[in-house]
Structure formats: structure tokens, C-alpha cells
């Protein structure tokens, strides 16, 4: 079931580093480890991915992830 709000958020309880990938994966319906892997590969080949992650970390509000 989709969330009623349209805001992106950081996961507070299902995070590996800052919760950005877990929150995005939960909101978009992706695998959190798949999205984390994509960010890592992007960071290795394109440094802009690190900047995007940091910006998302600062902009997204923390919110707990609820189990599906």
C-alpha cells in the first residue's frame, strides 16, 4: 500500500549509514540493498553520486520505516 504523503524521507530505524537509500527504497518500492548497491557503483564511477547522497541526507526529514 502506498504512503499517503508524497515526501521523501530518511529511514530512522532501517538505516545502514544515514537512512537515505532505505527511505527512498521504501517510498519507491525498490529493494534497499539494490539501491544501496546502485549508489555504491555510482560513487565508484561518478563522484556526483556522493554529492547527491549528501544533499538527500540534508534535505530529507527522518522518519521511521514501517515493515511491509
N, C-alpha and C. Protein backbone atom coordinates (compact mmCIF):
# COMPACT_ATOMS: atom_id res chain seq x y z
N UNK A 1 0.85 -1.18 0.00
CA UNK A 1 0.00 0.00 0.00
C UNK A 1 0.89 1.24 0.00
N UNK A 2 0.59 2.17 -0.82
CA UNK A 2 1.41 3.38 -0.96
C UNK A 2 1.17 4.33 0.21
N UNK A 3 2.19 5.09 0.55
CA UNK A 3 2.06 6.09 1.59
C UNK A 3 1.16 7.21 1.11
N UNK A 4 0.48 7.86 2.05
CA UNK A 4 -0.44 8.94 1.68
C UNK A 4 0.29 10.24 1.39
N UNK A 5 1.47 10.43 1.99
CA UNK A 5 2.22 11.65 1.70
C UNK A 5 3.16 11.42 0.53
N UNK A 6 3.55 12.48 -0.11
CA UNK A 6 4.42 12.39 -1.29
C UNK A 6 5.85 12.80 -0.99
N UNK A 7 6.18 12.95 0.27
CA UNK A 7 7.51 13.41 0.65
C UNK A 7 8.49 12.24 0.73
N UNK A 8 9.70 12.50 0.32
CA UNK A 8 10.77 11.53 0.51
C UNK A 8 11.29 11.72 1.93
N UNK A 9 11.87 10.67 2.49
CA UNK A 9 12.36 10.74 3.85
C UNK A 9 13.54 9.81 4.03
N UNK A 10 14.24 9.99 5.15
CA UNK A 10 15.31 9.10 5.56
C UNK A 10 14.74 8.12 6.57
N UNK A 11 15.15 6.89 6.49
CA UNK A 11 14.71 5.89 7.45
C UNK A 11 15.45 6.09 8.77
N UNK A 12 14.72 6.07 9.86
CA UNK A 12 15.34 6.23 11.17
C UNK A 12 15.72 4.90 11.81
N UNK A 13 15.01 3.84 11.44
CA UNK A 13 15.27 2.56 12.10
C UNK A 13 15.78 1.46 11.17
N UNK A 14 15.88 1.72 9.89
CA UNK A 14 16.35 0.71 8.95
C UNK A 14 17.48 1.29 8.11
N UNK A 15 18.43 1.93 8.79
CA UNK A 15 19.49 2.60 8.06
C UNK A 15 20.79 1.83 8.15
N UNK A 16 21.61 2.01 7.14
CA UNK A 16 22.95 1.45 7.12
C UNK A 16 23.96 2.55 7.42
N UNK A 17 23.80 3.69 6.76
CA UNK A 17 24.68 4.83 7.02
C UNK A 17 23.85 6.02 7.51
N UNK A 18 23.05 6.60 6.63
CA UNK A 18 22.24 7.75 7.02
C UNK A 18 20.74 7.50 6.82
N UNK A 19 20.38 6.39 6.21
CA UNK A 19 18.97 6.08 6.00
C UNK A 19 18.39 6.59 4.70
N UNK A 20 19.21 7.22 3.87
CA UNK A 20 18.71 7.79 2.62
C UNK A 20 18.23 6.69 1.66
N UNK A 21 19.04 5.69 1.43
CA UNK A 21 18.67 4.63 0.49
C UNK A 21 17.49 3.81 0.99
N UNK A 22 17.45 3.52 2.29
CA UNK A 22 16.33 2.75 2.84
C UNK A 22 15.03 3.52 2.72
N UNK A 23 15.05 4.80 3.00
CA UNK A 23 13.86 5.62 2.87
C UNK A 23 13.39 5.75 1.43
N UNK A 24 14.34 5.97 0.52
CA UNK A 24 13.99 6.07 -0.90
C UNK A 24 13.46 4.74 -1.42
N UNK A 25 14.10 3.64 -1.03
CA UNK A 25 13.66 2.32 -1.49
C UNK A 25 12.27 2.00 -0.98
N UNK A 26 11.99 2.34 0.26
CA UNK A 26 10.66 2.10 0.82
C UNK A 26 9.61 2.92 0.10
N UNK A 27 9.91 4.17 -0.16
CA UNK A 27 8.95 5.06 -0.82
C UNK A 27 8.70 4.66 -2.28
N UNK A 28 9.75 4.23 -2.98
CA UNK A 28 9.63 3.91 -4.40
C UNK A 28 9.33 2.44 -4.67
N UNK A 29 9.39 1.60 -3.62
CA UNK A 29 9.09 0.19 -3.78
C UNK A 29 10.25 -0.63 -4.33
N UNK A 30 11.47 -0.16 -4.14
CA UNK A 30 12.65 -0.87 -4.60
C UNK A 30 13.26 -1.66 -3.45
N UNK A 31 14.20 -2.54 -3.80
CA UNK A 31 15.00 -3.23 -2.80
C UNK A 31 16.00 -2.25 -2.21
N UNK A 32 16.07 -2.20 -0.88
CA UNK A 32 17.00 -1.24 -0.26
C UNK A 32 18.45 -1.60 -0.56
N UNK A 33 18.78 -2.90 -0.61
CA UNK A 33 20.15 -3.30 -0.92
C UNK A 33 20.48 -3.06 -2.39
N UNK A 34 19.50 -3.18 -3.26
CA UNK A 34 19.72 -2.87 -4.67
C UNK A 34 20.01 -1.40 -4.87
N UNK A 35 19.27 -0.55 -4.17
CA UNK A 35 19.50 0.89 -4.27
C UNK A 35 20.83 1.28 -3.64
N UNK A 36 21.17 0.65 -2.53
CA UNK A 36 22.48 0.91 -1.91
C UNK A 36 23.62 0.50 -2.86
N UNK A 37 23.46 -0.64 -3.49
CA UNK A 37 24.46 -1.11 -4.44
C UNK A 37 24.60 -0.13 -5.61
N UNK A 38 23.47 0.38 -6.10
CA UNK A 38 23.50 1.36 -7.19
C UNK A 38 24.22 2.63 -6.76
N UNK A 39 24.00 3.09 -5.54
CA UNK A 39 24.69 4.27 -5.04
C UNK A 39 26.19 4.01 -4.92
N UNK A 40 26.57 2.83 -4.46
CA UNK A 40 28.00 2.50 -4.32
C UNK A 40 28.67 2.44 -5.69
N UNK A 41 28.04 1.77 -6.65
CA UNK A 41 28.60 1.69 -8.01
C UNK A 41 28.68 3.09 -8.61
N UNK A 42 27.64 3.89 -8.42
CA UNK A 42 27.65 5.26 -8.92
C UNK A 42 28.76 6.08 -8.28
N UNK A 43 29.01 5.86 -7.00
CA UNK A 43 30.07 6.60 -6.30
C UNK A 43 31.45 6.20 -6.81
N UNK A 44 31.60 4.93 -7.17
CA UNK A 44 32.89 4.48 -7.68
C UNK A 44 33.20 5.04 -9.06
N UNK A 45 32.17 5.16 -9.90
CA UNK A 45 32.39 5.62 -11.27
C UNK A 45 32.10 7.10 -11.48
N UNK A 46 31.18 7.64 -10.69
CA UNK A 46 30.80 9.05 -10.83
C UNK A 46 30.75 9.65 -9.43
N UNK A 47 31.59 10.60 -9.17
CA UNK A 47 31.64 11.22 -7.85
C UNK A 47 30.41 12.02 -7.49
N UNK A 48 29.61 12.38 -8.49
CA UNK A 48 28.42 13.19 -8.24
C UNK A 48 27.41 12.43 -7.39
N UNK A 49 27.46 11.11 -7.39
CA UNK A 49 26.54 10.31 -6.59
C UNK A 49 26.74 10.58 -5.10
N UNK A 50 27.97 10.80 -4.68
CA UNK A 50 28.25 11.12 -3.28
C UNK A 50 27.62 12.46 -2.93
N UNK A 51 27.74 13.42 -3.82
CA UNK A 51 27.14 14.74 -3.60
C UNK A 51 25.61 14.64 -3.52
N UNK A 52 25.01 13.84 -4.38
CA UNK A 52 23.56 13.64 -4.36
C UNK A 52 23.13 13.00 -3.04
N UNK A 53 23.89 12.01 -2.57
CA UNK A 53 23.58 11.36 -1.31
C UNK A 53 23.63 12.35 -0.15
N UNK A 54 24.67 13.18 -0.12
CA UNK A 54 24.82 14.17 0.96
C UNK A 54 23.69 15.19 0.91
N UNK A 55 23.31 15.63 -0.27
CA UNK A 55 22.19 16.57 -0.40
C UNK A 55 20.90 15.93 0.09
N UNK A 56 20.66 14.69 -0.30
CA UNK A 56 19.46 13.98 0.16
C UNK A 56 19.48 13.82 1.68
N UNK A 57 20.64 13.56 2.24
CA UNK A 57 20.80 13.41 3.68
C UNK A 57 20.39 14.70 4.40
N UNK A 58 20.76 15.84 3.83
CA UNK A 58 20.44 17.12 4.46
C UNK A 58 18.99 17.53 4.22
N UNK A 59 18.42 17.17 3.07
CA UNK A 59 17.08 17.65 2.71
C UNK A 59 15.97 16.75 3.25
N UNK A 60 16.15 15.44 3.18
CA UNK A 60 15.10 14.51 3.61
C UNK A 60 14.96 14.53 5.12
N UNK A 61 13.73 14.55 5.58
CA UNK A 61 13.46 14.52 7.02
C UNK A 61 13.51 13.07 7.50
N UNK A 62 13.98 12.85 8.73
CA UNK A 62 13.99 11.47 9.25
C UNK A 62 12.58 11.00 9.58
N UNK A 63 12.31 9.75 9.28
CA UNK A 63 11.01 9.14 9.58
C UNK A 63 11.22 7.63 9.70
N UNK A 64 10.59 7.01 10.67
CA UNK A 64 10.78 5.55 10.80
C UNK A 64 10.19 4.79 9.62
N UNK A 65 10.83 3.69 9.28
CA UNK A 65 10.33 2.82 8.22
C UNK A 65 9.45 1.77 8.84
N UNK A 66 8.29 1.57 8.28
CA UNK A 66 7.38 0.56 8.79
C UNK A 66 7.54 -0.72 7.98
N UNK A 67 7.53 -1.84 8.65
CA UNK A 67 7.67 -3.13 7.96
C UNK A 67 6.48 -3.38 7.06
N UNK A 68 6.80 -3.94 5.89
CA UNK A 68 5.72 -4.23 4.93
C UNK A 68 5.11 -5.56 5.23
